[in-house]
Amino acid sequence: MNDIRSDGTLKELLRHAKELAVRYYELTGKPLGVTGEIAEYEASEKLGLVLAPPRTGGFDVYRRQGDFVERFQVKGLAVSTDNRYRGRVPKINCNGAFEAVLLVLLDRSSFEAIEIWRAEREPVISRLTAPGSKARNERGSMGIRQFRSIARCVWPQQGGKPPLLQDPPVSSPAEILRGE
């Protein structure tokens, strides 16, 4: 994936996809269905992550930190900039092999990233399995405001600190391929 990204081909293709998605929404009032792919790319670019191979179970992007691999599910949502915290986070797969979930909020008028939020695995699972909401319990979805209450903003960077630094995860590079 990095070879494609480094020669500009993927960046150019996604620029066209963004333009098409914006135009499609303007004409139909419906999303085109490329939000997830654009969000994955934006997260990888903004946070220095690597796109996972196609159809990798449980995570979309990852990063290596020494001998460790940290895996992330990426959820994208195109929102209005004047009401960006209204809406629902797409379905989160709690059974997947991931350490955290990244929510990429995209400007509906341009599909450019506005903010990226990170929530750790355990708080996400706890929130989704808490009694009381069919949307959370059965559909694996929560409101953006609920997600933000268990997350922290990692982009744009606050105070010049590296956005994702934390204790290294326990998975090794070999485990990433096995989805552990």
N, C-alpha and C. Protein backbone atom coordinates (compact mmCIF):
# COMPACT_ATOMS: atom_id res chain seq x y z
N MET A 1 0.81 -1.20 0.00
CA MET A 1 0.00 0.00 0.00
C MET A 1 0.85 1.26 0.00
N ASN A 2 1.94 1.27 0.74
CA ASN A 2 2.77 2.47 0.79
C ASN A 2 3.36 2.82 -0.56
N ASP A 3 3.69 1.82 -1.41
CA ASP A 3 4.23 2.10 -2.73
C ASP A 3 3.23 2.89 -3.57
N ILE A 4 1.97 2.49 -3.52
CA ILE A 4 0.93 3.20 -4.26
C ILE A 4 0.79 4.61 -3.74
N ARG A 5 0.79 4.76 -2.43
CA ARG A 5 0.60 6.07 -1.82
C ARG A 5 1.78 6.98 -2.13
N SER A 6 3.00 6.44 -2.14
CA SER A 6 4.17 7.27 -2.31
C SER A 6 4.29 7.85 -3.72
N ASP A 7 3.74 7.19 -4.72
CA ASP A 7 3.86 7.74 -6.07
C ASP A 7 2.72 8.71 -6.41
N GLY A 8 1.84 8.96 -5.50
CA GLY A 8 0.78 9.93 -5.71
C GLY A 8 -0.47 9.38 -6.37
N THR A 9 -0.43 8.15 -6.85
CA THR A 9 -1.58 7.57 -7.54
C THR A 9 -2.80 7.49 -6.63
N LEU A 10 -2.62 6.97 -5.44
CA LEU A 10 -3.74 6.83 -4.51
C LEU A 10 -4.26 8.19 -4.07
N LYS A 11 -3.36 9.11 -3.80
CA LYS A 11 -3.76 10.46 -3.38
C LYS A 11 -4.61 11.13 -4.47
N GLU A 12 -4.20 11.00 -5.72
CA GLU A 12 -4.94 11.57 -6.84
C GLU A 12 -6.30 10.90 -7.00
N LEU A 13 -6.34 9.59 -6.89
CA LEU A 13 -7.59 8.85 -7.00
C LEU A 13 -8.57 9.28 -5.90
N LEU A 14 -8.09 9.41 -4.67
CA LEU A 14 -8.97 9.81 -3.58
C LEU A 14 -9.41 11.27 -3.71
N ARG A 15 -8.60 12.12 -4.31
CA ARG A 15 -9.03 13.49 -4.57
C ARG A 15 -10.25 13.47 -5.49
N HIS A 16 -10.20 12.63 -6.52
CA HIS A 16 -11.34 12.51 -7.43
C HIS A 16 -12.55 11.90 -6.72
N ALA A 17 -12.31 10.90 -5.87
CA ALA A 17 -13.41 10.27 -5.12
C ALA A 17 -14.09 11.29 -4.21
N LYS A 18 -13.30 12.15 -3.58
CA LYS A 18 -13.87 13.19 -2.71
C LYS A 18 -14.76 14.13 -3.52
N GLU A 19 -14.25 14.57 -4.66
CA GLU A 19 -15.04 15.47 -5.52
C GLU A 19 -16.33 14.80 -5.96
N LEU A 20 -16.24 13.54 -6.35
CA LEU A 20 -17.42 12.79 -6.78
C LEU A 20 -18.41 12.61 -5.63
N ALA A 21 -17.91 12.30 -4.44
CA ALA A 21 -18.78 12.11 -3.27
C ALA A 21 -19.52 13.41 -2.92
N VAL A 22 -18.81 14.52 -2.98
CA VAL A 22 -19.44 15.82 -2.70
C VAL A 22 -20.53 16.10 -3.72
N ARG A 23 -20.21 15.93 -4.98
CA ARG A 23 -21.18 16.20 -6.05
C ARG A 23 -22.40 15.27 -5.96
N TYR A 24 -22.15 13.99 -5.69
CA TYR A 24 -23.23 13.02 -5.56
C TYR A 24 -24.17 13.43 -4.42
N TYR A 25 -23.58 13.83 -3.29
CA TYR A 25 -24.41 14.24 -2.15
C TYR A 25 -25.22 15.49 -2.49
N GLU A 26 -24.59 16.44 -3.20
CA GLU A 26 -25.30 17.65 -3.61
C GLU A 26 -26.51 17.32 -4.48
N LEU A 27 -26.36 16.36 -5.37
CA LEU A 27 -27.43 16.01 -6.30
C LEU A 27 -28.52 15.13 -5.70
N THR A 28 -28.13 14.21 -4.80
CA THR A 28 -29.09 13.22 -4.30
C THR A 28 -29.45 13.38 -2.82
N GLY A 29 -28.58 14.06 -2.06
CA GLY A 29 -28.80 14.14 -0.61
C GLY A 29 -28.41 12.85 0.10
N LYS A 30 -27.78 11.93 -0.65
CA LYS A 30 -27.36 10.65 -0.08
C LYS A 30 -25.85 10.50 -0.20
N PRO A 31 -25.24 9.74 0.72
CA PRO A 31 -23.80 9.50 0.60
C PRO A 31 -23.50 8.53 -0.53
N LEU A 32 -22.32 8.67 -1.11
CA LEU A 32 -21.92 7.81 -2.22
C LEU A 32 -21.47 6.44 -1.76
N GLY A 33 -20.95 6.33 -0.56
CA GLY A 33 -20.50 5.04 -0.04
C GLY A 33 -18.99 4.88 -0.04
N VAL A 34 -18.26 5.97 -0.13
CA VAL A 34 -16.80 5.92 -0.10
C VAL A 34 -16.23 6.55 1.16
N THR A 35 -17.10 6.92 2.08
CA THR A 35 -16.67 7.62 3.30
C THR A 35 -15.66 6.80 4.09
N GLY A 36 -15.90 5.50 4.24
CA GLY A 36 -14.99 4.65 5.01
C GLY A 36 -13.60 4.59 4.42
N GLU A 37 -13.51 4.45 3.10
CA GLU A 37 -12.21 4.38 2.45
C GLU A 37 -11.47 5.70 2.56
N ILE A 38 -12.19 6.80 2.39
CA ILE A 38 -11.57 8.12 2.53
C ILE A 38 -11.10 8.33 3.96
N ALA A 39 -11.91 7.93 4.93
CA ALA A 39 -11.53 8.08 6.35
C ALA A 39 -10.27 7.27 6.67
N GLU A 40 -10.17 6.05 6.15
CA GLU A 40 -8.97 5.24 6.38
C GLU A 40 -7.73 5.93 5.83
N TYR A 41 -7.85 6.45 4.63
CA TYR A 41 -6.71 7.13 4.02
C TYR A 41 -6.34 8.38 4.81
N GLU A 42 -7.34 9.18 5.20
CA GLU A 42 -7.07 10.39 5.97
C GLU A 42 -6.39 10.06 7.30
N ALA A 43 -6.86 9.01 7.97
CA ALA A 43 -6.23 8.61 9.24
C ALA A 43 -4.78 8.19 9.01
N SER A 44 -4.55 7.43 7.94
CA SER A 44 -3.18 6.97 7.67
C SER A 44 -2.27 8.15 7.35
N GLU A 45 -2.75 9.10 6.59
CA GLU A 45 -1.94 10.26 6.21
C GLU A 45 -1.70 11.20 7.40
N LYS A 46 -2.75 11.53 8.12
CA LYS A 46 -2.64 12.52 9.20
C LYS A 46 -1.88 11.98 10.40
N LEU A 47 -1.99 10.67 10.66
CA LEU A 47 -1.40 10.10 11.87
C LEU A 47 -0.19 9.22 11.60
N GLY A 48 0.22 9.12 10.35
CA GLY A 48 1.40 8.32 10.01
C GLY A 48 1.19 6.83 10.20
N LEU A 49 0.01 6.35 9.85
CA LEU A 49 -0.33 4.94 10.00
C LEU A 49 -0.22 4.23 8.65
N VAL A 50 -0.23 2.91 8.69
CA VAL A 50 -0.14 2.09 7.49
C VAL A 50 -1.51 1.48 7.21
N LEU A 51 -1.95 1.58 5.96
CA LEU A 51 -3.21 0.94 5.57
C LEU A 51 -3.04 -0.58 5.63
N ALA A 52 -3.99 -1.26 6.24
CA ALA A 52 -3.95 -2.73 6.31
C ALA A 52 -4.26 -3.30 4.94
N PRO A 53 -3.81 -4.51 4.66
CA PRO A 53 -4.15 -5.15 3.39
C PRO A 53 -5.68 -5.31 3.26
N PRO A 54 -6.18 -5.37 2.02
CA PRO A 54 -7.63 -5.52 1.82
C PRO A 54 -8.18 -6.73 2.56
N ARG A 55 -9.40 -6.56 3.08
CA ARG A 55 -10.15 -7.60 3.79
C ARG A 55 -9.43 -8.15 5.02
N THR A 56 -8.60 -7.31 5.65
CA THR A 56 -7.98 -7.71 6.92
C THR A 56 -9.07 -7.63 7.98
N GLY A 57 -9.26 -8.69 8.72
CA GLY A 57 -10.32 -8.73 9.73
C GLY A 57 -10.00 -7.93 10.97
N GLY A 58 -10.94 -7.09 11.39
CA GLY A 58 -10.86 -6.44 12.69
C GLY A 58 -10.18 -5.10 12.75
N PHE A 59 -9.35 -4.73 11.77
CA PHE A 59 -8.71 -3.42 11.81
C PHE A 59 -8.45 -2.94 10.39
N ASP A 60 -8.26 -1.62 10.28
CA ASP A 60 -8.12 -0.98 8.97
C ASP A 60 -6.73 -0.38 8.75
N VAL A 61 -6.13 0.12 9.81
CA VAL A 61 -4.80 0.72 9.74
C VAL A 61 -4.01 0.26 10.95
N TYR A 62 -2.69 0.38 10.86
CA TYR A 62 -1.85 -0.02 12.00
C TYR A 62 -0.57 0.79 11.99
N ARG A 63 0.17 0.67 13.09
CA ARG A 63 1.50 1.27 13.16
C ARG A 63 2.40 0.33 13.93
N ARG A 64 3.66 0.36 13.55
CA ARG A 64 4.69 -0.43 14.24
C ARG A 64 5.40 0.49 15.21
N GLN A 65 5.63 -0.01 16.39
CA GLN A 65 6.38 0.71 17.41
C GLN A 65 7.39 -0.29 17.97
N GLY A 66 8.58 -0.29 17.40
CA GLY A 66 9.56 -1.31 17.77
C GLY A 66 9.08 -2.66 17.31
N ASP A 67 9.00 -3.60 18.24
CA ASP A 67 8.52 -4.95 17.92
C ASP A 67 7.01 -5.09 18.02
N PHE A 68 6.34 -4.02 18.34
CA PHE A 68 4.90 -4.09 18.56
C PHE A 68 4.13 -3.48 17.40
N VAL A 69 2.91 -3.97 17.24
CA VAL A 69 2.00 -3.45 16.23
C VAL A 69 0.74 -3.00 16.95
N GLU A 70 0.31 -1.79 16.65
CA GLU A 70 -0.93 -1.27 17.22
C GLU A 70 -1.95 -1.16 16.09
N ARG A 71 -3.13 -1.77 16.28
CA ARG A 71 -4.15 -1.87 15.24
C ARG A 71 -5.36 -1.00 15.58
N PHE A 72 -5.93 -0.41 14.53
CA PHE A 72 -7.04 0.52 14.70
C PHE A 72 -8.17 0.20 13.74
N GLN A 73 -9.40 0.20 14.25
CA GLN A 73 -10.57 0.25 13.38
C GLN A 73 -10.76 1.73 13.07
N VAL A 74 -11.10 2.04 11.84
CA VAL A 74 -11.36 3.42 11.46
C VAL A 74 -12.82 3.55 11.07
N LYS A 75 -13.47 4.54 11.65
CA LYS A 75 -14.86 4.84 11.34
C LYS A 75 -14.92 6.26 10.82
N GLY A 76 -15.56 6.46 9.68
CA GLY A 76 -15.64 7.78 9.09
C GLY A 76 -17.07 8.26 9.00
N LEU A 77 -17.22 9.56 9.14
CA LEU A 77 -18.55 10.15 9.06
C LEU A 77 -18.42 11.53 8.42
N ALA A 78 -19.18 11.77 7.36
CA ALA A 78 -19.22 13.09 6.73
C ALA A 78 -20.26 13.93 7.47
N VAL A 79 -19.84 15.07 7.99
CA VAL A 79 -20.69 15.89 8.84
C VAL A 79 -20.67 17.34 8.37
N SER A 80 -21.63 18.09 8.83
CA SER A 80 -21.67 19.52 8.60
C SER A 80 -20.70 20.18 9.59
N THR A 81 -19.89 21.11 9.14
CA THR A 81 -18.90 21.72 10.03
C THR A 81 -19.56 22.53 11.15
N ASP A 82 -20.76 23.03 10.93
CA ASP A 82 -21.41 23.81 11.97
C ASP A 82 -22.20 22.95 12.96
N ASN A 83 -22.30 21.64 12.72
CA ASN A 83 -22.98 20.72 13.64
C ASN A 83 -22.28 19.36 13.56
N ARG A 84 -20.97 19.36 13.78
CA ARG A 84 -20.15 18.17 13.52
C ARG A 84 -20.36 17.02 14.49
N TYR A 85 -20.96 17.25 15.65
CA TYR A 85 -21.11 16.18 16.63
C TYR A 85 -22.50 15.57 16.64
N ARG A 86 -23.24 15.79 15.58
CA ARG A 86 -24.58 15.22 15.44
C ARG A 86 -24.48 14.02 14.50
N GLY A 87 -25.02 12.90 14.94
CA GLY A 87 -25.01 11.70 14.11
C GLY A 87 -24.50 10.50 14.87
N ARG A 88 -24.39 9.38 14.17
CA ARG A 88 -23.99 8.12 14.79
C ARG A 88 -22.71 7.61 14.15
N VAL A 89 -21.87 7.03 15.00
CA VAL A 89 -20.65 6.38 14.55
C VAL A 89 -21.05 5.09 13.85
N PRO A 90 -20.47 4.79 12.68
CA PRO A 90 -20.78 3.52 12.02
C PRO A 90 -20.46 2.32 12.91
N LYS A 91 -21.02 1.19 12.55
CA LYS A 91 -20.89 -0.05 13.35
C LYS A 91 -19.43 -0.37 13.69
N ILE A 92 -19.21 -0.67 14.95
CA ILE A 92 -17.90 -1.09 15.45
C ILE A 92 -17.94 -2.59 15.70
N ASN A 93 -16.98 -3.31 15.16
CA ASN A 93 -16.89 -4.76 15.34
C ASN A 93 -16.09 -5.04 16.61
N CYS A 94 -16.77 -5.36 17.69
CA CYS A 94 -16.11 -5.60 18.98
C CYS A 94 -15.30 -6.89 19.00
N ASN A 95 -15.56 -7.80 18.08
CA ASN A 95 -14.84 -9.07 18.05
C ASN A 95 -13.52 -8.98 17.30
N GLY A 96 -13.27 -7.87 16.64
CA GLY A 96 -12.06 -7.73 15.84
C GLY A 96 -10.81 -7.55 16.69
N ALA A 97 -9.67 -7.77 16.05
CA ALA A 97 -8.37 -7.60 16.69
C ALA A 97 -7.95 -6.15 16.52
N PHE A 98 -8.16 -5.34 17.54
CA PHE A 98 -7.78 -3.93 17.48
C PHE A 98 -7.51 -3.43 18.89
N GLU A 99 -6.70 -2.38 18.96
CA GLU A 99 -6.40 -1.77 20.26
C GLU A 99 -7.24 -0.51 20.49
N ALA A 100 -7.65 0.15 19.40
CA ALA A 100 -8.42 1.39 19.53
C ALA A 100 -9.25 1.62 18.27
N VAL A 101 -10.23 2.52 18.41
CA VAL A 101 -11.07 2.93 17.29
C VAL A 101 -10.77 4.40 17.01
N LEU A 102 -10.59 4.72 15.74
CA LEU A 102 -10.40 6.10 15.31
C LEU A 102 -11.66 6.57 14.59
N LEU A 103 -12.22 7.68 15.03
CA LEU A 103 -13.37 8.28 14.37
C LEU A 103 -12.86 9.49 13.59
N VAL A 104 -13.01 9.43 12.27
CA VAL A 104 -12.58 10.51 11.40
C VAL A 104 -13.81 11.30 10.98
N LEU A 105 -13.89 12.55 11.41
CA LEU A 105 -14.98 13.41 11.00
C LEU A 105 -14.54 14.17 9.76
N LEU A 106 -15.31 13.99 8.69
CA LEU A 106 -15.01 14.61 7.40
C LEU A 106 -16.00 15.73 7.11
N ASP A 107 -15.51 16.82 6.56
CA ASP A 107 -16.36 17.93 6.15
C ASP A 107 -17.21 17.46 4.97
N ARG A 108 -18.51 17.47 5.13
CA ARG A 108 -19.42 16.99 4.09
C ARG A 108 -19.27 17.76 2.79
N SER A 109 -18.83 19.02 2.86
CA SER A 109 -18.73 19.84 1.66
C SER A 109 -17.43 19.63 0.88
N SER A 110 -16.45 18.92 1.48
CA SER A 110 -15.18 18.71 0.78
C SER A 110 -14.58 17.32 1.00
N PHE A 111 -15.09 16.60 1.98
CA PHE A 111 -14.58 15.30 2.40
C PHE A 111 -13.14 15.39 2.93
N GLU A 112 -12.74 16.58 3.38
CA GLU A 112 -11.45 16.75 4.05
C GLU A 112 -11.65 16.48 5.54
N ALA A 113 -10.64 15.93 6.19
CA ALA A 113 -10.72 15.63 7.62
C ALA A 113 -10.84 16.92 8.42
N ILE A 114 -11.73 16.89 9.41
CA ILE A 114 -11.90 18.01 10.35
C ILE A 114 -11.21 17.67 11.66
N GLU A 115 -11.53 16.46 12.17
CA GLU A 115 -10.98 15.98 13.45
C GLU A 115 -10.86 14.47 13.39
N ILE A 116 -9.94 13.96 14.21
CA ILE A 116 -9.83 12.52 14.40
C ILE A 116 -9.81 12.27 15.90
N TRP A 117 -10.70 11.37 16.34
CA TRP A 117 -10.84 11.01 17.75
C TRP A 117 -10.42 9.57 17.95
N ARG A 118 -9.78 9.29 19.08
CA ARG A 118 -9.32 7.94 19.40
C ARG A 118 -9.97 7.47 20.70
N ALA A 119 -10.57 6.27 20.66
CA ALA A 119 -11.12 5.64 21.86
C ALA A 119 -10.49 4.25 21.99
N GLU A 120 -10.06 3.92 23.19
CA GLU A 120 -9.43 2.62 23.44
C GLU A 120 -10.46 1.50 23.40
N ARG A 121 -10.02 0.31 23.14
CA ARG A 121 -10.87 -0.86 22.98
C ARG A 121 -11.83 -1.09 24.15
N GLU A 122 -11.31 -1.17 25.36
CA GLU A 122 -12.15 -1.52 26.52
C GLU A 122 -13.28 -0.52 26.77
N PRO A 123 -13.01 0.80 26.78
CA PRO A 123 -14.14 1.73 26.94
C PRO A 123 -15.17 1.63 25.82
N VAL A 124 -14.71 1.35 24.59
CA VAL A 124 -15.65 1.20 23.47
C VAL A 124 -16.56 0.00 23.71
N ILE A 125 -15.96 -1.13 24.05
CA ILE A 125 -16.75 -2.34 24.29
C ILE A 125 -17.70 -2.15 25.47
N SER A 126 -17.21 -1.53 26.53
CA SER A 126 -18.07 -1.26 27.70
C SER A 126 -19.26 -0.40 27.32
N ARG A 127 -19.04 0.64 26.53
CA ARG A 127 -20.12 1.53 26.13
C ARG A 127 -21.12 0.80 25.22
N LEU A 128 -20.62 0.00 24.29
CA LEU A 128 -21.51 -0.68 23.35
C LEU A 128 -22.31 -1.80 24.00
N THR A 129 -21.80 -2.38 25.08
CA THR A 129 -22.51 -3.49 25.73
C THR A 129 -23.29 -3.06 26.96
N ALA A 130 -23.23 -1.77 27.31
CA ALA A 130 -24.00 -1.27 28.46
C ALA A 130 -25.49 -1.41 28.14
N PRO A 131 -26.28 -1.88 29.11
CA PRO A 131 -27.71 -2.06 28.86
C PRO A 131 -28.42 -0.75 28.53
N GLY A 132 -29.48 -0.87 27.72
CA GLY A 132 -30.35 0.27 27.54
C GLY A 132 -30.52 0.81 26.13
N SER A 133 -29.73 0.40 25.17
CA SER A 133 -29.89 0.95 23.83
C SER A 133 -29.76 -0.15 22.79
N LYS A 134 -30.81 -0.33 22.01
CA LYS A 134 -30.80 -1.33 20.95
C LYS A 134 -29.73 -0.99 19.90
N ALA A 135 -29.59 0.31 19.58
CA ALA A 135 -28.59 0.73 18.58
C ALA A 135 -27.18 0.36 19.05
N ARG A 136 -26.90 0.57 20.32
CA ARG A 136 -25.57 0.22 20.85
C ARG A 136 -25.42 -1.29 20.96
N ASN A 137 -26.36 -1.93 21.63
CA ASN A 137 -26.23 -3.35 21.97
C ASN A 137 -26.32 -4.28 20.76
N GLU A 138 -27.23 -4.02 19.85
CA GLU A 138 -27.43 -4.93 18.72
C GLU A 138 -26.73 -4.49 17.45
N ARG A 139 -26.62 -3.19 17.25
CA ARG A 139 -26.06 -2.70 16.00
C ARG A 139 -24.60 -2.25 16.13
N GLY A 140 -24.06 -2.22 17.35
CA GLY A 140 -22.67 -1.83 17.55
C GLY A 140 -22.39 -0.39 17.20
N SER A 141 -23.37 0.48 17.42
CA SER A 141 -23.25 1.89 17.05
C SER A 141 -23.59 2.78 18.23
N MET A 142 -22.94 3.94 18.28
CA MET A 142 -23.26 4.92 19.31
C MET A 142 -23.20 6.31 18.68
N GLY A 143 -23.77 7.27 19.38
CA GLY A 143 -23.74 8.65 18.91
C GLY A 143 -22.32 9.21 18.94
N ILE A 144 -22.08 10.22 18.11
CA ILE A 144 -20.77 10.86 18.10
C ILE A 144 -20.45 11.43 19.48
N ARG A 145 -21.41 12.05 20.12
CA ARG A 145 -21.17 12.63 21.46
C ARG A 145 -20.81 11.54 22.47
N GLN A 146 -21.46 10.40 22.39
CA GLN A 146 -21.11 9.28 23.29
C GLN A 146 -19.69 8.82 23.02
N PHE A 147 -19.33 8.70 21.75
CA PHE A 147 -17.97 8.28 21.40
C PHE A 147 -16.95 9.28 21.95
N ARG A 148 -17.21 10.55 21.75
CA ARG A 148 -16.28 11.58 22.23
C ARG A 148 -16.11 11.55 23.75
N SER A 149 -17.15 11.10 24.46
CA SER A 149 -17.05 11.07 25.93
C SER A 149 -16.05 10.03 26.43
N ILE A 150 -15.69 9.07 25.58
CA ILE A 150 -14.71 8.04 25.96
C ILE A 150 -13.43 8.14 25.13
N ALA A 151 -13.33 9.20 24.33
CA ALA A 151 -12.22 9.34 23.39
C ALA A 151 -11.43 10.61 23.67
N ARG A 152 -10.34 10.75 22.92
CA ARG A 152 -9.57 12.00 22.95
C ARG A 152 -9.27 12.40 21.51
N CYS A 153 -9.20 13.69 21.28
CA CYS A 153 -8.90 14.20 19.95
C CYS A 153 -7.40 14.01 19.70
N VAL A 154 -7.06 13.32 18.59
CA VAL A 154 -5.65 13.08 18.26
C VAL A 154 -5.21 13.85 17.01
N TRP A 155 -6.16 14.47 16.32
CA TRP A 155 -5.82 15.34 15.20
C TRP A 155 -6.95 16.32 15.01
N PRO A 156 -6.72 17.61 14.84
CA PRO A 156 -5.40 18.19 14.80
C PRO A 156 -4.71 18.10 16.15
N GLN A 157 -3.38 18.08 16.12
CA GLN A 157 -2.59 17.90 17.33
C GLN A 157 -2.79 19.07 18.28
N GLN A 158 -2.83 18.73 19.55
CA GLN A 158 -2.97 19.72 20.60
C GLN A 158 -1.63 19.89 21.31
N GLY A 159 -1.11 21.08 21.37
CA GLY A 159 0.10 21.35 22.13
C GLY A 159 1.36 20.71 21.58
N GLY A 160 1.36 20.31 20.31
CA GLY A 160 2.55 19.77 19.68
C GLY A 160 2.95 18.37 20.13
N LYS A 161 2.11 17.69 20.90
CA LYS A 161 2.43 16.33 21.36
C LYS A 161 2.14 15.33 20.26
N PRO A 162 2.96 14.26 20.15
CA PRO A 162 2.63 13.22 19.17
C PRO A 162 1.24 12.66 19.47
N PRO A 163 0.38 12.51 18.46
CA PRO A 163 -1.02 12.21 18.69
C PRO A 163 -1.34 10.83 19.23
N LEU A 164 -0.53 9.83 18.97
CA LEU A 164 -0.93 8.47 19.34
C LEU A 164 -0.06 7.85 20.42
N LEU A 165 0.91 8.57 20.98
CA LEU A 165 1.80 7.94 21.93
C LEU A 165 1.06 7.43 23.15
N GLN A 166 1.40 6.23 23.54
CA GLN A 166 0.86 5.59 24.72
C GLN A 166 1.74 4.39 25.00
N ASP A 167 1.43 3.61 26.01
CA ASP A 167 2.21 2.40 26.28
C ASP A 167 2.10 1.47 25.07
N PRO A 168 3.21 0.80 24.71
CA PRO A 168 3.16 -0.10 23.55
C PRO A 168 2.17 -1.24 23.78
N PRO A 169 1.47 -1.65 22.72
CA PRO A 169 0.56 -2.78 22.82
C PRO A 169 1.34 -4.08 22.95
N VAL A 170 0.64 -5.16 23.23
CA VAL A 170 1.30 -6.43 23.47
C VAL A 170 1.40 -7.32 22.24
N SER A 171 0.93 -6.88 21.10
CA SER A 171 0.99 -7.72 19.91
C SER A 171 2.31 -7.54 19.18
N SER A 172 2.74 -8.60 18.53
CA SER A 172 3.97 -8.57 17.77
C SER A 172 3.63 -8.44 16.28
N PRO A 173 4.61 -8.09 15.43
CA PRO A 173 4.32 -7.99 13.99
C PRO A 173 3.77 -9.28 13.41
N ALA A 174 4.21 -10.44 13.89
CA ALA A 174 3.69 -11.72 13.37
C ALA A 174 2.22 -11.89 13.72
N GLU A 175 1.82 -11.38 14.89
CA GLU A 175 0.44 -11.52 15.31
C GLU A 175 -0.53 -10.69 14.45
N ILE A 176 -0.04 -9.62 13.87
CA ILE A 176 -0.91 -8.80 13.03
C ILE A 176 -1.45 -9.60 11.86
N LEU A 177 -0.63 -10.43 11.28
CA LEU A 177 -1.07 -11.24 10.14
C LEU A 177 -2.04 -12.33 10.54
N ARG A 178 -1.95 -12.77 11.80
CA ARG A 178 -2.88 -13.78 12.28
C ARG A 178 -4.15 -13.16 12.84
N GLY A 179 -4.19 -11.81 12.96
CA GLY A 179 -5.36 -11.13 13.47
C GLY A 179 -5.56 -11.30 14.96
N GLU A 180 -4.50 -11.47 15.70
CA GLU A 180 -4.61 -11.64 17.15
C GLU A 180 -4.56 -10.32 17.86
